[in-house]
């Protein structure tokens, strides 16, 4: 047992010494790699830095030369009629920024009259229709001044999901304070108060039937 104890102790010391040697070797390799990388980066960056300095010096020298260079006399500057392919007449003033299609500066502000825009797009509500049956029962649709198209097409003002309706089935017009119902040559026809019509004046609480959809008309006037 005593022999095994000393044997293990000696082995631990040997292992420790080996680990220290390996650690020193790894550190030396890392330092060598870092040094080589630094040398390579310096070799690559040196020409770039020299080129940048040359460009900056050329710009500064060119600016100074331009500042010292005298302007040509008017008689020497003008040739022929005073025009060249890429020049402007000497007496011609540059066009204003607005005429050039641009702005005077990046912070140019444009005033927008929101009231004018709303006035052009806004249409007052003059009435509405309420669906009395089917999937859209209880749904109400506003009526505005002018034309209100009814049908299954997405571009209609009042879109209904009844399969018995035409894509553009009918229209309710409001003009001069009066409402007029007009059938748009629909396949299954239109009814006002259970009477088939092609054109009919509407009054408050009239019932309109399109296909199998029943609607109640309400007027605000």
Protein backbone atom coordinates (compact mmCIF):
# COMPACT_ATOMS: atom_id res chain seq x y z
CA UNK A 1 0.00 0.00 0.00
CA UNK A 2 2.84 2.39 0.86
CA UNK A 3 4.48 1.62 -2.48
CA UNK A 4 1.24 2.39 -4.36
CA UNK A 5 0.87 5.70 -2.48
CA UNK A 6 4.31 6.93 -3.52
CA UNK A 7 3.78 5.62 -7.04
CA UNK A 8 0.55 7.62 -7.43
CA UNK A 9 2.17 10.72 -5.92
CA UNK A 10 5.05 10.49 -8.38
CA UNK A 11 2.63 10.01 -11.28
CA UNK A 12 0.62 13.12 -10.25
CA UNK A 13 3.78 15.21 -10.21
CA UNK A 14 4.79 13.92 -13.63
CA UNK A 15 1.33 14.68 -15.03
CA UNK A 16 1.42 18.19 -13.52
CA UNK A 17 4.81 18.87 -15.08
CA UNK A 18 3.60 17.62 -18.47
CA UNK A 19 0.49 19.85 -18.28
CA UNK A 20 2.60 22.89 -17.46
CA UNK A 21 4.84 22.23 -20.45
CA UNK A 22 1.82 21.85 -22.74
CA UNK A 23 0.28 25.08 -21.40
CA UNK A 24 3.52 26.96 -22.10
CA UNK A 25 3.62 25.55 -25.63
CA UNK A 26 0.01 26.60 -26.31
CA UNK A 27 0.69 30.09 -24.98
CA UNK A 28 3.79 30.44 -27.12
CA UNK A 29 1.88 29.32 -30.24
CA UNK A 30 -0.94 31.79 -29.49
CA UNK A 31 1.53 34.67 -29.11
CA UNK A 32 3.27 33.68 -32.33
CA UNK A 33 -0.06 33.59 -34.21
CA UNK A 34 -1.08 36.97 -32.81
CA UNK A 35 2.22 38.50 -33.81
CA UNK A 36 1.98 37.05 -37.33
CA UNK A 37 -1.60 38.34 -37.68
CA UNK A 38 -0.57 41.81 -36.55
CA UNK A 39 2.32 41.85 -39.05
CA UNK A 40 -0.02 40.78 -41.86
CA UNK A 41 -2.65 43.42 -40.97
CA UNK A 42 -0.01 46.14 -40.90
CA UNK A 43 1.29 45.04 -44.29
CA UNK A 44 -2.20 45.15 -45.77
CA UNK A 45 -3.31 48.40 -44.12
CA UNK A 46 -0.15 50.37 -44.94
CA UNK A 47 -0.89 50.82 -48.70
CA UNK A 48 -4.52 51.75 -47.96
CA UNK A 49 -3.54 54.38 -45.44
CA UNK A 50 -0.95 55.79 -47.85
CA UNK A 51 -3.56 55.95 -50.64
CA UNK A 52 -6.06 57.75 -48.38
CA UNK A 53 -3.46 60.31 -47.37
CA UNK A 54 -2.60 60.85 -51.04
CA UNK A 55 -6.25 61.45 -51.93
CA UNK A 56 -6.74 63.89 -49.06
CA UNK A 57 -3.57 65.77 -50.01
CA UNK A 58 -4.70 65.94 -53.65
CA UNK A 59 -8.12 67.31 -52.63
CA UNK A 60 -6.59 69.94 -50.40
CA UNK A 61 -4.08 70.90 -53.07
CA UNK A 62 -6.78 71.04 -55.74
CA UNK A 63 -8.97 73.26 -53.57
CA UNK A 64 -6.11 75.64 -52.92
CA UNK A 65 -5.19 75.73 -56.61
CA UNK A 66 -8.79 76.42 -57.57
CA UNK A 67 -8.94 79.24 -55.07
CA UNK A 68 -5.74 80.84 -56.44
CA UNK A 69 -6.62 80.31 -60.13
CA UNK A 70 -7.79 83.62 -61.68
CA UNK A 71 -11.12 83.72 -63.46
CA UNK A 72 -11.06 83.97 -67.24
CA UNK A 73 -11.92 87.30 -68.80
CA UNK A 74 -15.42 87.58 -70.28
CA UNK A 75 -14.01 87.96 -73.82
CA UNK A 76 -12.02 84.75 -73.47
CA UNK A 77 -14.81 82.80 -71.77
CA UNK A 78 -17.35 83.39 -74.52
CA UNK A 79 -17.00 81.69 -77.85
CA UNK A 80 -19.31 82.10 -80.80
CA UNK A 81 -22.77 82.87 -79.45
CA UNK A 82 -21.74 82.15 -75.85
CA UNK A 83 -23.14 78.59 -75.76
CA UNK A 84 -21.55 75.16 -75.63
CA UNK A 85 -23.08 71.71 -75.49
CA UNK A 86 -22.80 71.45 -71.70
CA UNK A 87 -22.98 75.08 -70.66
CA UNK A 88 -25.57 77.80 -70.13
CA UNK A 89 -25.59 81.30 -71.53
CA UNK A 90 -23.60 83.58 -69.33
CA UNK A 91 -26.45 86.01 -68.70
CA UNK A 92 -29.03 83.24 -68.19
CA UNK A 93 -30.03 82.86 -64.55
CA UNK A 94 -30.52 79.35 -63.13
CA UNK A 95 -34.11 78.19 -63.01
CA UNK A 96 -35.86 78.28 -59.63
CA UNK A 97 -35.97 75.02 -57.70
CA UNK A 98 -39.70 74.67 -58.34
CA UNK A 99 -39.17 74.85 -62.14
CA UNK A 100 -36.35 72.31 -61.96
CA UNK A 101 -38.69 69.75 -60.44
CA UNK A 102 -36.91 69.76 -57.07
CA UNK A 103 -37.00 71.46 -53.73
CA UNK A 104 -34.93 74.29 -52.36
CA UNK A 105 -33.70 72.14 -49.48
CA UNK A 106 -34.11 68.86 -47.68
CA UNK A 107 -36.32 70.50 -45.05
CA UNK A 108 -38.79 71.91 -47.58
CA UNK A 109 -42.30 71.94 -46.13
CA UNK A 110 -45.46 71.54 -48.19
CA UNK A 111 -48.74 72.80 -46.75
CA UNK A 112 -51.71 70.46 -47.22
CA UNK A 113 -55.24 71.70 -46.75
CA UNK A 114 -56.97 68.75 -45.07
CA UNK A 115 -60.30 70.55 -45.09
CA UNK A 116 -60.19 70.82 -48.89
CA UNK A 117 -59.42 67.11 -49.24
CA UNK A 118 -62.23 66.12 -46.90
CA UNK A 119 -64.65 68.40 -48.70
CA UNK A 120 -63.85 66.72 -52.02
CA UNK A 121 -64.17 63.13 -50.72
CA UNK A 122 -66.86 63.42 -48.05
CA UNK A 123 -70.45 62.60 -48.92
CA UNK A 124 -73.16 63.15 -46.31
CA UNK A 125 -75.29 60.20 -45.21
CA UNK A 126 -78.90 60.65 -46.34
CA UNK A 127 -80.37 57.30 -45.26
CA UNK A 128 -79.71 53.59 -44.90
CA UNK A 129 -81.09 50.12 -45.58
CA UNK A 130 -81.29 47.30 -43.03
CA UNK A 131 -81.17 43.61 -44.00
CA UNK A 132 -84.16 41.74 -42.53
CA UNK A 133 -83.22 38.11 -43.26
CA UNK A 134 -80.43 35.74 -44.31
CA UNK A 135 -76.80 35.70 -43.24
CA UNK A 136 -76.62 39.51 -43.08
CA UNK A 137 -79.75 39.94 -40.97
CA UNK A 138 -79.49 43.09 -38.87
CA UNK A 139 -76.68 44.54 -40.97
CA UNK A 140 -77.26 48.15 -41.98
CA UNK A 141 -75.75 49.95 -44.98
CA UNK A 142 -75.49 53.71 -45.25
CA UNK A 143 -76.82 55.58 -48.26
CA UNK A 144 -75.03 58.70 -49.48
CA UNK A 145 -75.96 61.47 -51.84
CA UNK A 146 -75.78 60.29 -55.46
CA UNK A 147 -75.61 56.66 -56.56
CA UNK A 148 -75.62 53.61 -54.24
CA UNK A 149 -75.09 50.36 -56.18
CA UNK A 150 -76.35 47.07 -54.72
CA UNK A 151 -75.25 43.55 -55.70
CA UNK A 152 -72.72 40.79 -55.08
CA UNK A 153 -69.73 42.40 -56.83
CA UNK A 154 -66.92 43.71 -54.63
CA UNK A 155 -67.09 47.17 -56.22
CA UNK A 156 -70.73 47.69 -55.18
CA UNK A 157 -71.50 50.24 -52.50
CA UNK A 158 -73.80 47.71 -50.79
CA UNK A 159 -72.39 44.18 -51.11
CA UNK A 160 -74.84 41.35 -50.38
CA UNK A 161 -74.06 37.61 -50.21
CA UNK A 162 -77.34 36.36 -51.67
CA UNK A 163 -76.59 33.85 -54.51
CA UNK A 164 -79.87 34.85 -56.20
CA UNK A 165 -78.62 38.42 -56.76
CA UNK A 166 -76.85 39.70 -59.85
CA UNK A 167 -73.37 41.18 -59.54
CA UNK A 168 -74.84 44.67 -60.07
CA UNK A 169 -78.47 44.10 -59.22
CA UNK A 170 -79.96 47.53 -58.50
CA UNK A 171 -79.17 51.08 -57.46
CA UNK A 172 -80.70 53.61 -55.08
CA UNK A 173 -80.21 57.20 -56.23
CA UNK A 174 -80.54 60.28 -54.07
CA UNK A 175 -80.96 63.49 -56.06
CA UNK A 176 -82.63 66.77 -55.13
CA UNK A 177 -83.87 65.33 -51.84
CA UNK A 178 -85.64 62.35 -53.47
CA UNK A 179 -84.82 58.62 -53.48
CA UNK A 180 -85.27 56.51 -56.59
CA UNK A 181 -84.87 52.72 -56.84
CA UNK A 182 -83.71 51.39 -60.25
CA UNK A 183 -83.31 47.73 -61.25
CA UNK A 184 -80.18 47.15 -63.37
CA UNK A 185 -81.70 44.46 -65.63
CA UNK A 186 -81.11 41.84 -62.94
CA UNK A 187 -81.78 38.16 -63.59
CA UNK A 188 -84.35 37.60 -60.81
CA UNK A 189 -85.80 41.11 -60.71
CA UNK A 190 -86.43 43.58 -57.88
CA UNK A 191 -89.48 44.22 -55.69
CA UNK A 192 -90.64 47.23 -53.70
CA UNK A 193 -93.39 46.47 -51.16
CA UNK A 194 -93.84 43.05 -52.83
CA UNK A 195 -94.43 44.60 -56.25
CA UNK A 196 -91.99 43.92 -59.07
CA UNK A 197 -90.55 47.16 -60.39
CA UNK A 198 -87.89 48.41 -62.76
CA UNK A 199 -87.98 51.95 -61.36
CA UNK A 200 -89.74 53.26 -58.26
CA UNK A 201 -89.62 56.26 -55.93
CA UNK A 202 -88.82 55.28 -52.35
CA UNK A 203 -90.28 56.69 -49.15
CA UNK A 204 -89.37 56.01 -45.55
CA UNK A 205 -90.06 52.43 -44.31
CA UNK A 206 -90.46 50.92 -47.80
CA UNK A 207 -89.43 47.27 -48.10
CA UNK A 208 -87.14 46.22 -50.91
CA UNK A 209 -86.55 42.60 -51.99
CA UNK A 210 -83.59 41.61 -54.16
CA UNK A 211 -83.42 37.92 -54.97
CA UNK A 212 -84.21 36.40 -51.56
CA UNK A 213 -82.83 39.29 -49.53
CA UNK A 214 -85.33 41.63 -47.87
CA UNK A 215 -84.28 45.12 -46.82
CA UNK A 216 -86.02 48.00 -45.07
CA UNK A 217 -85.37 51.49 -46.38
CA UNK A 218 -84.98 54.40 -43.96
CA UNK A 219 -84.61 58.05 -44.92
CA UNK A 220 -83.05 60.88 -42.94
CA UNK A 221 -85.08 63.49 -44.83
